[in-house]
Structure formats: structure tokens, C-alpha cells
Amino acid sequence: MEYDERASTGPAGADDSRVFRSIELWLPLAADANERYRWGYGGPGIERLILAALPDLERADSSDAARAVLWFCHQRQCNVEARR
């Protein structure tokens, strides 16, 4: 997999093994959402989405809640990019 600097550093203070475990944990759900909603992310894009959503994903109490978190983060990223 290809990693950019922001994706490899992860959330502030997080160690690499925790970041990699989190990506592995959320990757199937994020990849499914990416395909289902046709967001068009490649592998590194999905990883960046997971990392951006990670604080809220860790508090999600169901797969539906986690999917909503991913949707919200995707929308936030789209809004930021549209403003550029």
C-alpha cells in the first residue's frame, strides 16, 4: 500500500501499531461504504478517511454509527476541497 506523510503519522500521539490496527479494523467497513456510495477513493484515500474519522469511529457503538461517521467525514472532506 502507498502511504503519504499525513496517513503514516496518524492522530497526534498515536503509535504506529495502534494506527495500523485501527486501519485494519475499519478498512472493510470503509471500503464497503466507498464502493456503496461511489466516493471514488483509492487505497490511500480510504486510509486517510479512516484516520480523519478515527476519534469518532472509536466511540461508535454499532456498524451503522460507524458508517454515519465515515459519511460525515467524507462530506467534510468534500466541503474542504470544494472551498479550495
PDB file of N, CA and C in Angstrom:
ATOM      1  N   MET A   1       0.830  -1.182   0.000  1.00  0.00           N
ATOM      2  CA  MET A   1       0.000   0.000   0.000  1.00  0.00           C
ATOM      3  C   MET A   1       0.869   1.238   0.000  1.00  0.00           C
ATOM      4  N   GLU A   2       0.305   2.282  -0.540  1.00  0.00           N
ATOM      5  CA  GLU A   2       1.014   3.548  -0.624  1.00  0.00           C
ATOM      6  C   GLU A   2       0.562   4.442   0.535  1.00  0.00           C
ATOM      7  N   TYR A   3       1.502   5.073   1.206  1.00  0.00           N
ATOM      8  CA  TYR A   3       1.174   5.931   2.336  1.00  0.00           C
ATOM      9  C   TYR A   3       1.724   7.318   2.090  1.00  0.00           C
ATOM     10  N   ASP A   4       0.955   8.336   2.434  1.00  0.00           N
ATOM     11  CA  ASP A   4       1.509   9.674   2.400  1.00  0.00           C
ATOM     12  C   ASP A   4       1.895  10.059   3.820  1.00  0.00           C
ATOM     13  N   GLU A   5       2.543  11.208   3.981  1.00  0.00           N
ATOM     14  CA  GLU A   5       3.049  11.594   5.296  1.00  0.00           C
ATOM     15  C   GLU A   5       1.929  11.736   6.318  1.00  0.00           C
ATOM     16  N   ARG A   6       0.819  12.355   5.928  1.00  0.00           N
ATOM     17  CA  ARG A   6      -0.277  12.553   6.872  1.00  0.00           C
ATOM     18  C   ARG A   6      -0.882  11.224   7.311  1.00  0.00           C
ATOM     19  N   ALA A   7      -1.037  10.282   6.393  1.00  0.00           N
ATOM     20  CA  ALA A   7      -1.618   8.992   6.751  1.00  0.00           C
ATOM     21  C   ALA A   7      -0.687   8.190   7.646  1.00  0.00           C
ATOM     22  N   SER A   8       0.620   8.306   7.444  1.00  0.00           N
ATOM     23  CA  SER A   8       1.532   7.484   8.236  1.00  0.00           C
ATOM     24  C   SER A   8       1.737   8.025   9.641  1.00  0.00           C
ATOM     25  N   THR A   9       1.460   9.297   9.858  1.00  0.00           N
ATOM     26  CA  THR A   9       1.647   9.839  11.198  1.00  0.00           C
ATOM     27  C   THR A   9       0.444   9.592  12.076  1.00  0.00           C
ATOM     28  N   GLY A  10      -0.742   9.547  11.507  1.00  0.00           N
ATOM     29  CA  GLY A  10      -1.946   9.252  12.256  1.00  0.00           C
ATOM     30  C   GLY A  10      -2.301  10.341  13.244  1.00  0.00           C
ATOM     31  N   PRO A  11      -3.249  10.048  14.116  1.00  0.00           N
ATOM     32  CA  PRO A  11      -3.665  11.027  15.114  1.00  0.00           C
ATOM     33  C   PRO A  11      -2.509  11.399  16.032  1.00  0.00           C
ATOM     34  N   ALA A  12      -2.542  12.608  16.552  1.00  0.00           N
ATOM     35  CA  ALA A  12      -1.462  13.091  17.419  1.00  0.00           C
ATOM     36  C   ALA A  12      -1.258  12.139  18.589  1.00  0.00           C
ATOM     37  N   GLY A  13      -0.021  11.751  18.820  1.00  0.00           N
ATOM     38  CA  GLY A  13       0.320  10.897  19.949  1.00  0.00           C
ATOM     39  C   GLY A  13       0.067   9.415  19.734  1.00  0.00           C
ATOM     40  N   ALA A  14      -0.461   9.036  18.607  1.00  0.00           N
ATOM     41  CA  ALA A  14      -0.756   7.619  18.372  1.00  0.00           C
ATOM     42  C   ALA A  14       0.506   6.908  17.918  1.00  0.00           C
ATOM     43  N   ASP A  15       0.701   5.697  18.425  1.00  0.00           N
ATOM     44  CA  ASP A  15       1.851   4.929  17.955  1.00  0.00           C
ATOM     45  C   ASP A  15       1.471   4.209  16.665  1.00  0.00           C
ATOM     46  N   ASP A  16       2.488   3.875  15.878  1.00  0.00           N
ATOM     47  CA  ASP A  16       2.248   3.280  14.566  1.00  0.00           C
ATOM     48  C   ASP A  16       1.450   1.988  14.635  1.00  0.00           C
ATOM     49  N   SER A  17       1.708   1.140  15.613  1.00  0.00           N
ATOM     50  CA  SER A  17       0.994  -0.137  15.668  1.00  0.00           C
ATOM     51  C   SER A  17      -0.489   0.085  15.935  1.00  0.00           C
ATOM     52  N   ARG A  18      -0.816   1.061  16.746  1.00  0.00           N
ATOM     53  CA  ARG A  18      -2.232   1.377  17.002  1.00  0.00           C
ATOM     54  C   ARG A  18      -2.892   1.902  15.736  1.00  0.00           C
ATOM     55  N   VAL A  19      -2.192   2.751  15.014  1.00  0.00           N
ATOM     56  CA  VAL A  19      -2.730   3.302  13.774  1.00  0.00           C
ATOM     57  C   VAL A  19      -2.963   2.175  12.767  1.00  0.00           C
ATOM     58  N   PHE A  20      -1.989   1.296  12.590  1.00  0.00           N
ATOM     59  CA  PHE A  20      -2.140   0.197  11.641  1.00  0.00           C
ATOM     60  C   PHE A  20      -3.276  -0.741  12.050  1.00  0.00           C
ATOM     61  N   ARG A  21      -3.403  -1.036  13.345  1.00  0.00           N
ATOM     62  CA  ARG A  21      -4.511  -1.890  13.810  1.00  0.00           C
ATOM     63  C   ARG A  21      -5.847  -1.219  13.534  1.00  0.00           C
ATOM     64  N   SER A  22      -5.915   0.071  13.751  1.00  0.00           N
ATOM     65  CA  SER A  22      -7.167   0.799  13.517  1.00  0.00           C
ATOM     66  C   SER A  22      -7.540   0.779  12.038  1.00  0.00           C
ATOM     67  N   ILE A  23      -6.553   0.988  11.182  1.00  0.00           N
ATOM     68  CA  ILE A  23      -6.825   0.927   9.740  1.00  0.00           C
ATOM     69  C   ILE A  23      -7.323  -0.462   9.368  1.00  0.00           C
ATOM     70  N   GLU A  24      -6.659  -1.494   9.850  1.00  0.00           N
ATOM     71  CA  GLU A  24      -7.082  -2.869   9.559  1.00  0.00           C
ATOM     72  C   GLU A  24      -8.496  -3.135  10.058  1.00  0.00           C
ATOM     73  N   LEU A  25      -8.824  -2.611  11.216  1.00  0.00           N
ATOM     74  CA  LEU A  25     -10.139  -2.836  11.805  1.00  0.00           C
ATOM     75  C   LEU A  25     -11.246  -2.174  10.983  1.00  0.00           C
ATOM     76  N   TRP A  26     -11.032  -0.937  10.586  1.00  0.00           N
ATOM     77  CA  TRP A  26     -12.084  -0.166   9.921  1.00  0.00           C
ATOM     78  C   TRP A  26     -12.054  -0.270   8.398  1.00  0.00           C
ATOM     79  N   LEU A  27     -11.010  -0.819   7.832  1.00  0.00           N
ATOM     80  CA  LEU A  27     -10.875  -0.879   6.384  1.00  0.00           C
ATOM     81  C   LEU A  27     -12.035  -1.598   5.686  1.00  0.00           C
ATOM     82  N   PRO A  28     -12.489  -2.763   6.145  1.00  0.00           N
ATOM     83  CA  PRO A  28     -13.598  -3.416   5.439  1.00  0.00           C
ATOM     84  C   PRO A  28     -14.864  -2.552   5.385  1.00  0.00           C
ATOM     85  N   LEU A  29     -15.211  -1.914   6.492  1.00  0.00           N
ATOM     86  CA  LEU A  29     -16.404  -1.079   6.515  1.00  0.00           C
ATOM     87  C   LEU A  29     -16.217   0.158   5.631  1.00  0.00           C
ATOM     88  N   ALA A  30     -15.058   0.786   5.717  1.00  0.00           N
ATOM     89  CA  ALA A  30     -14.785   1.975   4.906  1.00  0.00           C
ATOM     90  C   ALA A  30     -14.750   1.630   3.421  1.00  0.00           C
ATOM     91  N   ALA A  31     -14.159   0.498   3.073  1.00  0.00           N
ATOM     92  CA  ALA A  31     -14.113   0.081   1.666  1.00  0.00           C
ATOM     93  C   ALA A  31     -15.516  -0.213   1.148  1.00  0.00           C
ATOM     94  N   ASP A  32     -16.349  -0.835   1.981  1.00  0.00           N
ATOM     95  CA  ASP A  32     -17.729  -1.104   1.588  1.00  0.00           C
ATOM     96  C   ASP A  32     -18.493   0.199   1.374  1.00  0.00           C
ATOM     97  N   ALA A  33     -18.341   1.153   2.288  1.00  0.00           N
ATOM     98  CA  ALA A  33     -19.016   2.443   2.133  1.00  0.00           C
ATOM     99  C   ALA A  33     -18.515   3.160   0.883  1.00  0.00           C
ATOM    100  N   ASN A  34     -17.216   3.108   0.648  1.00  0.00           N
ATOM    101  CA  ASN A  34     -16.628   3.742  -0.530  1.00  0.00           C
ATOM    102  C   ASN A  34     -17.246   3.178  -1.810  1.00  0.00           C
ATOM    103  N   GLU A  35     -17.412   1.885  -1.858  1.00  0.00           N
ATOM    104  CA  GLU A  35     -17.995   1.252  -3.039  1.00  0.00           C
ATOM    105  C   GLU A  35     -19.500   1.525  -3.125  1.00  0.00           C
ATOM    106  N   ARG A  36     -20.199   1.362  -2.012  1.00  0.00           N
ATOM    107  CA  ARG A  36     -21.649   1.525  -1.990  1.00  0.00           C
ATOM    108  C   ARG A  36     -22.077   2.946  -2.367  1.00  0.00           C
ATOM    109  N   TYR A  37     -21.367   3.931  -1.823  1.00  0.00           N
ATOM    110  CA  TYR A  37     -21.748   5.329  -2.045  1.00  0.00           C
ATOM    111  C   TYR A  37     -20.966   5.982  -3.187  1.00  0.00           C
ATOM    112  N   ARG A  38     -20.093   5.196  -3.832  1.00  0.00           N
ATOM    113  CA  ARG A  38     -19.340   5.648  -5.015  1.00  0.00           C
ATOM    114  C   ARG A  38     -18.523   6.914  -4.735  1.00  0.00           C
ATOM    115  N   TRP A  39     -17.800   6.877  -3.627  1.00  0.00           N
ATOM    116  CA  TRP A  39     -16.970   8.021  -3.270  1.00  0.00           C
ATOM    117  C   TRP A  39     -15.729   8.120  -4.149  1.00  0.00           C
ATOM    118  N   GLY A  40     -15.240   6.992  -4.627  1.00  0.00           N
ATOM    119  CA  GLY A  40     -14.110   7.002  -5.557  1.00  0.00           C
ATOM    120  C   GLY A  40     -12.729   7.078  -4.924  1.00  0.00           C
ATOM    121  N   TYR A  41     -12.618   6.751  -3.638  1.00  0.00           N
ATOM    122  CA  TYR A  41     -11.300   6.746  -3.009  1.00  0.00           C
ATOM    123  C   TYR A  41     -10.508   5.530  -3.448  1.00  0.00           C
ATOM    124  N   GLY A  42      -9.200   5.702  -3.609  1.00  0.00           N
ATOM    125  CA  GLY A  42      -8.281   4.580  -3.762  1.00  0.00           C
ATOM    126  C   GLY A  42      -7.844   4.147  -2.369  1.00  0.00           C
ATOM    127  N   GLY A  43      -6.951   3.188  -2.295  1.00  0.00           N
ATOM    128  CA  GLY A  43      -6.479   2.688  -1.003  1.00  0.00           C
ATOM    129  C   GLY A  43      -5.981   3.767  -0.058  1.00  0.00           C
ATOM    130  N   PRO A  44      -5.066   4.638  -0.501  1.00  0.00           N
ATOM    131  CA  PRO A  44      -4.573   5.695   0.395  1.00  0.00           C
ATOM    132  C   PRO A  44      -5.672   6.673   0.820  1.00  0.00           C
ATOM    133  N   GLY A  45      -6.623   6.925  -0.067  1.00  0.00           N
ATOM    134  CA  GLY A  45      -7.726   7.821   0.270  1.00  0.00           C
ATOM    135  C   GLY A  45      -8.621   7.234   1.342  1.00  0.00           C
ATOM    136  N   ILE A  46      -8.868   5.940   1.263  1.00  0.00           N
ATOM    137  CA  ILE A  46      -9.675   5.275   2.287  1.00  0.00           C
ATOM    138  C   ILE A  46      -8.941   5.332   3.629  1.00  0.00           C
ATOM    139  N   GLU A  47      -7.636   5.110   3.598  1.00  0.00           N
ATOM    140  CA  GLU A  47      -6.855   5.173   4.834  1.00  0.00           C
ATOM    141  C   GLU A  47      -6.896   6.570   5.443  1.00  0.00           C
ATOM    142  N   ARG A  48      -6.799   7.609   4.620  1.00  0.00           N
ATOM    143  CA  ARG A  48      -6.885   8.984   5.135  1.00  0.00           C
ATOM    144  C   ARG A  48      -8.258   9.252   5.733  1.00  0.00           C
ATOM    145  N   LEU A  49      -9.307   8.732   5.087  1.00  0.00           N
ATOM    146  CA  LEU A  49     -10.659   8.885   5.617  1.00  0.00           C
ATOM    147  C   LEU A  49     -10.775   8.229   6.985  1.00  0.00           C
ATOM    148  N   ILE A  50     -10.255   7.018   7.119  1.00  0.00           N
ATOM    149  CA  ILE A  50     -10.294   6.314   8.404  1.00  0.00           C
ATOM    150  C   ILE A  50      -9.553   7.115   9.465  1.00  0.00           C
ATOM    151  N   LEU A  51      -8.371   7.606   9.132  1.00  0.00           N
ATOM    152  CA  LEU A  51      -7.588   8.366  10.107  1.00  0.00           C
ATOM    153  C   LEU A  51      -8.284   9.655  10.512  1.00  0.00           C
ATOM    154  N   ALA A  52      -8.931  10.310   9.564  1.00  0.00           N
ATOM    155  CA  ALA A  52      -9.666  11.534   9.892  1.00  0.00           C
ATOM    156  C   ALA A  52     -10.860  11.235  10.789  1.00  0.00           C
ATOM    157  N   ALA A  53     -11.465  10.074  10.594  1.00  0.00           N
ATOM    158  CA  ALA A  53     -12.659   9.699  11.346  1.00  0.00           C
ATOM    159  C   ALA A  53     -12.351   8.945  12.636  1.00  0.00           C
ATOM    160  N   LEU A  54     -11.109   8.561  12.841  1.00  0.00           N
ATOM    161  CA  LEU A  54     -10.750   7.645  13.918  1.00  0.00           C
ATOM    162  C   LEU A  54     -11.251   8.045  15.306  1.00  0.00           C
ATOM    163  N   PRO A  55     -11.104   9.278  15.749  1.00  0.00           N
ATOM    164  CA  PRO A  55     -11.601   9.596  17.096  1.00  0.00           C
ATOM    165  C   PRO A  55     -13.090   9.284  17.271  1.00  0.00           C
ATOM    166  N   ASP A  56     -13.889   9.570  16.240  1.00  0.00           N
ATOM    167  CA  ASP A  56     -15.324   9.289  16.325  1.00  0.00           C
ATOM    168  C   ASP A  56     -15.631   7.815  16.073  1.00  0.00           C
ATOM    169  N   LEU A  57     -14.857   7.166  15.213  1.00  0.00           N
ATOM    170  CA  LEU A  57     -15.062   5.735  14.988  1.00  0.00           C
ATOM    171  C   LEU A  57     -14.852   4.945  16.276  1.00  0.00           C
ATOM    172  N   GLU A  58     -13.873   5.366  17.080  1.00  0.00           N
ATOM    173  CA  GLU A  58     -13.588   4.653  18.327  1.00  0.00           C
ATOM    174  C   GLU A  58     -14.754   4.742  19.314  1.00  0.00           C
ATOM    175  N   ARG A  59     -15.617   5.722  19.147  1.00  0.00           N
ATOM    176  CA  ARG A  59     -16.781   5.866  20.032  1.00  0.00           C
ATOM    177  C   ARG A  59     -18.058   5.277  19.437  1.00  0.00           C
ATOM    178  N   ALA A  60     -18.000   4.861  18.172  1.00  0.00           N
ATOM    179  CA  ALA A  60     -19.196   4.308  17.521  1.00  0.00           C
ATOM    180  C   ALA A  60     -19.594   3.002  18.200  1.00  0.00           C
ATOM    181  N   ASP A  61     -20.891   2.860  18.461  1.00  0.00           N
ATOM    182  CA  ASP A  61     -21.358   1.663  19.174  1.00  0.00           C
ATOM    183  C   ASP A  61     -22.062   0.657  18.265  1.00  0.00           C
ATOM    184  N   SER A  62     -22.043   0.915  16.955  1.00  0.00           N
ATOM    185  CA  SER A  62     -22.622  -0.034  16.000  1.00  0.00           C
ATOM    186  C   SER A  62     -22.010   0.223  14.622  1.00  0.00           C
ATOM    187  N   SER A  63     -22.200  -0.728  13.728  1.00  0.00           N
ATOM    188  CA  SER A  63     -21.677  -0.527  12.375  1.00  0.00           C
ATOM    189  C   SER A  63     -22.426   0.605  11.673  1.00  0.00           C
ATOM    190  N   ASP A  64     -23.707   0.772  11.978  1.00  0.00           N
ATOM    191  CA  ASP A  64     -24.458   1.884  11.388  1.00  0.00           C
ATOM    192  C   ASP A  64     -23.909   3.227  11.871  1.00  0.00           C
ATOM    193  N   ALA A  65     -23.572   3.308  13.146  1.00  0.00           N
ATOM    194  CA  ALA A  65     -22.987   4.544  13.677  1.00  0.00           C
ATOM    195  C   ALA A  65     -21.629   4.812  13.036  1.00  0.00           C
ATOM    196  N   ALA A  66     -20.824   3.772  12.872  1.00  0.00           N
ATOM    197  CA  ALA A  66     -19.512   3.928  12.243  1.00  0.00           C
ATOM    198  C   ALA A  66     -19.663   4.353  10.784  1.00  0.00           C
ATOM    199  N   ARG A  67     -20.636   3.786  10.097  1.00  0.00           N
ATOM    200  CA  ARG A  67     -20.883   4.168   8.700  1.00  0.00           C
ATOM    201  C   ARG A  67     -21.302   5.641   8.622  1.00  0.00           C
ATOM    202  N   ALA A  68     -22.103   6.093   9.585  1.00  0.00           N
ATOM    203  CA  ALA A  68     -22.508   7.505   9.625  1.00  0.00           C
ATOM    204  C   ALA A  68     -21.299   8.410   9.872  1.00  0.00           C
ATOM    205  N   VAL A  69     -20.393   7.974  10.731  1.00  0.00           N
ATOM    206  CA  VAL A  69     -19.165   8.741  10.986  1.00  0.00           C
ATOM    207  C   VAL A  69     -18.355   8.863   9.708  1.00  0.00           C
ATOM    208  N   LEU A  70     -18.202   7.772   8.984  1.00  0.00           N
ATOM    209  CA  LEU A  70     -17.452   7.806   7.721  1.00  0.00           C
ATOM    210  C   LEU A  70     -18.132   8.725   6.713  1.00  0.00           C
ATOM    211  N   TRP A  71     -19.457   8.648   6.644  1.00  0.00           N
ATOM    212  CA  TRP A  71     -20.205   9.515   5.730  1.00  0.00           C
ATOM    213  C   TRP A  71     -19.962  10.983   6.071  1.00  0.00           C
ATOM    214  N   PHE A  72     -20.054  11.309   7.355  1.00  0.00           N
ATOM    215  CA  PHE A  72     -19.843  12.691   7.800  1.00  0.00           C
ATOM    216  C   PHE A  72     -18.431  13.170   7.451  1.00  0.00           C
ATOM    217  N   CYS A  73     -17.435  12.344   7.719  1.00  0.00           N
ATOM    218  CA  CYS A  73     -16.052  12.731   7.420  1.00  0.00           C
ATOM    219  C   CYS A  73     -15.840  12.885   5.919  1.00  0.00           C
ATOM    220  N   HIS A  74     -16.451  12.014   5.137  1.00  0.00           N
ATOM    221  CA  HIS A  74     -16.362  12.148   3.681  1.00  0.00           C
ATOM    222  C   HIS A  74     -16.961  13.491   3.251  1.00  0.00           C
ATOM    223  N   GLN A  75     -18.134  13.825   3.757  1.00  0.00           N
ATOM    224  CA  GLN A  75     -18.778  15.085   3.402  1.00  0.00           C
ATOM    225  C   GLN A  75     -17.925  16.280   3.822  1.00  0.00           C
ATOM    226  N   ARG A  76     -17.328  16.199   4.997  1.00  0.00           N
ATOM    227  CA  ARG A  76     -16.471  17.278   5.483  1.00  0.00           C
ATOM    228  C   ARG A  76     -15.258  17.450   4.565  1.00  0.00           C
ATOM    229  N   GLN A  77     -14.654  16.342   4.137  1.00  0.00           N
ATOM    230  CA  GLN A  77     -13.510  16.425   3.232  1.00  0.00           C
ATOM    231  C   GLN A  77     -13.922  17.013   1.887  1.00  0.00           C
ATOM    232  N   CYS A  78     -15.097  16.641   1.394  1.00  0.00           N
ATOM    233  CA  CYS A  78     -15.588  17.192   0.119  1.00  0.00           C
ATOM    234  C   CYS A  78     -15.806  18.697   0.245  1.00  0.00           C
ATOM    235  N   ASN A  79     -16.361  19.133   1.362  1.00  0.00           N
ATOM    236  CA  ASN A  79     -16.598  20.565   1.576  1.00  0.00           C
ATOM    237  C   ASN A  79     -15.291  21.354   1.649  1.00  0.00           C
ATOM    238  N   VAL A  80     -14.292  20.774   2.296  1.00  0.00           N
ATOM    239  CA  VAL A  80     -12.998  21.446   2.403  1.00  0.00           C
ATOM    240  C   VAL A  80     -12.360  21.567   1.024  1.00  0.00           C
ATOM    241  N   GLU A  81     -12.413  20.500   0.252  1.00  0.00           N
ATOM    242  CA  GLU A  81     -11.824  20.511  -1.090  1.00  0.00           C
ATOM    243  C   GLU A  81     -12.563  21.469  -2.007  1.00  0.00           C
ATOM    244  N   ALA A  82     -13.880  21.588  -1.857  1.00  0.00           N
ATOM    245  CA  ALA A  82     -14.676  22.488  -2.702  1.00  0.00           C
ATOM    246  C   ALA A  82     -14.331  23.947  -2.430  1.00  0.00           C
ATOM    247  N   ARG A  83     -13.909  24.261  -1.221  1.00  0.00           N
ATOM    248  CA  ARG A  83     -13.572  25.630  -0.850  1.00  0.00           C
ATOM    249  C   ARG A  83     -12.213  26.060  -1.370  1.00  0.00           C
ATOM    250  N   ARG A  84     -11.375  25.101  -1.752  1.00  0.00           N
ATOM    251  CA  ARG A  84     -10.019  25.426  -2.226  1.00  0.00           C
ATOM    252  C   ARG A  84     -10.046  26.040  -3.585  1.00  0.00           C
TER     253      ARG A  84
END
